[in-house]
Amino acid sequence: MVFISSQAKIDLDNIVTGLLEWEKIVLTVDEVMRYVDDIVDICYRLDTVGYRHKATHEEHSKHGTYVYSYKRNQKTTWYIVYNIDFSGSVLVNKIISNYLTVS
């Protein structure tokens, strides 16, 4: 089972706002919602992932133990940071882009 934290829900709302206000490219509300729905769909499949990547980047590891990288396009990767409890349930803690995770 997968749960989305309050912070991750805020992150998703911020992604919607950011994409709607993005001046570089104009996206319709439907396009933005499909974009965010794709991220949410990945979140809800995290309990079935075969291999889990440990969070090693400092920004990621302060939000969770594991990170899933979702490469949206050539320039944008979304990092879904999460924990797993004793029963195998996933708690998504943070969703952050490569633009905010600069090495």
Protein backbone atom coordinates (compact mmCIF):
# COMPACT_ATOMS: atom_id res chain seq x y z
CA MET A 1 0.00 0.00 0.00
CA VAL A 2 1.21 3.52 -0.77
CA PHE A 3 0.48 6.68 1.20
CA ILE A 4 1.22 10.24 0.12
CA SER A 5 2.40 12.58 2.89
CA SER A 6 1.07 16.10 3.35
CA GLN A 7 4.42 17.47 2.15
CA ALA A 8 4.30 15.39 -1.03
CA LYS A 9 0.74 16.63 -1.68
CA ILE A 10 2.02 20.20 -1.30
CA ASP A 11 4.84 19.34 -3.72
CA LEU A 12 2.30 18.09 -6.27
CA ASP A 13 0.22 21.25 -5.88
CA ASN A 14 3.37 23.33 -6.38
CA ILE A 15 4.19 21.37 -9.54
CA VAL A 16 0.72 22.19 -10.91
CA THR A 17 1.14 25.87 -10.09
CA GLY A 18 4.66 25.99 -11.48
CA LEU A 19 3.67 24.37 -14.76
CA LEU A 20 0.64 26.62 -15.19
CA GLU A 21 2.71 29.75 -14.55
CA TRP A 22 5.75 28.65 -16.54
CA GLU A 23 6.60 31.37 -19.04
CA LYS A 24 8.96 29.25 -21.15
CA ILE A 25 6.12 27.13 -22.50
CA VAL A 26 2.34 27.38 -22.29
CA LEU A 27 0.56 24.24 -21.13
CA THR A 28 -3.18 23.75 -20.90
CA VAL A 29 -4.78 22.76 -17.63
CA ASP A 30 -5.44 19.29 -19.09
CA GLU A 31 -1.78 18.88 -20.08
CA VAL A 32 -0.61 19.95 -16.64
CA MET A 33 -3.03 17.61 -14.89
CA ARG A 34 -1.92 14.66 -17.08
CA TYR A 35 1.71 15.53 -16.27
CA VAL A 36 1.05 15.49 -12.52
CA ASP A 37 -1.20 12.42 -12.80
CA ASP A 38 1.76 10.58 -14.37
CA ILE A 39 3.87 11.40 -11.29
CA VAL A 40 1.05 10.32 -8.96
CA ASP A 41 0.64 7.04 -10.88
CA ILE A 42 4.32 6.28 -10.35
CA CYS A 43 3.97 7.04 -6.64
CA TYR A 44 1.13 4.55 -6.31
CA ARG A 45 3.23 1.83 -7.98
CA LEU A 46 6.21 2.20 -5.63
CA ASP A 47 5.07 -0.73 -3.50
CA THR A 48 5.64 -3.03 -6.48
CA VAL A 49 9.13 -1.84 -7.44
CA GLY A 50 11.58 -4.73 -7.59
CA TYR A 51 14.74 -2.85 -6.66
CA ARG A 52 14.92 0.10 -4.29
CA HIS A 53 17.55 2.79 -4.69
CA LYS A 54 18.91 4.20 -1.45
CA ALA A 55 18.78 7.97 -1.22
CA THR A 56 22.37 9.21 -1.37
CA HIS A 57 22.02 12.85 -2.36
CA GLU A 58 21.94 15.05 0.76
CA GLU A 59 18.71 16.78 -0.28
CA HIS A 60 17.00 13.42 -0.83
CA SER A 61 18.26 11.57 2.23
CA LYS A 62 16.95 14.21 4.61
CA HIS A 63 13.42 13.35 3.39
CA GLY A 64 13.59 9.57 3.20
CA THR A 65 15.55 6.36 2.84
CA TYR A 66 14.75 5.57 -0.79
CA VAL A 67 14.42 7.53 -4.01
CA TYR A 68 12.74 6.71 -7.29
CA SER A 69 13.93 8.63 -10.35
CA TYR A 70 11.29 9.41 -12.96
CA LYS A 71 12.85 10.82 -16.11
CA ARG A 72 10.05 12.88 -17.63
CA ASN A 73 12.07 14.08 -20.63
CA GLN A 74 15.68 14.79 -21.63
CA LYS A 75 15.97 17.70 -19.21
CA THR A 76 13.62 16.90 -16.34
CA THR A 77 13.88 14.15 -13.76
CA TRP A 78 11.54 13.93 -10.80
CA TYR A 79 12.84 12.33 -7.61
CA ILE A 80 10.22 10.67 -5.44
CA VAL A 81 11.65 10.25 -1.95
CA TYR A 82 10.00 7.69 0.30
CA ASN A 83 10.24 5.33 3.25
CA ILE A 84 8.98 1.81 3.78
CA ASP A 85 7.47 0.66 7.07
CA PHE A 86 7.69 -2.76 8.71
CA SER A 87 4.63 -4.01 6.82
CA GLY A 88 6.00 -2.99 3.42
CA SER A 89 3.80 0.08 3.02
CA VAL A 90 5.34 3.05 1.25
CA LEU A 91 5.12 6.63 2.48
CA VAL A 92 6.01 9.19 -0.19
CA ASN A 93 7.62 12.08 1.68
CA LYS A 94 8.92 14.46 -0.98
CA ILE A 95 8.78 15.03 -4.73
CA ILE A 96 11.58 17.18 -6.08
CA SER A 97 12.99 17.90 -9.53
CA ASN A 98 16.56 17.80 -10.75
CA TYR A 99 16.35 21.61 -11.03
CA LEU A 100 16.12 21.76 -7.23
CA THR A 101 18.61 18.92 -6.63
CA VAL A 102 21.81 20.45 -7.92
CA SER A 103 24.97 18.48 -7.20
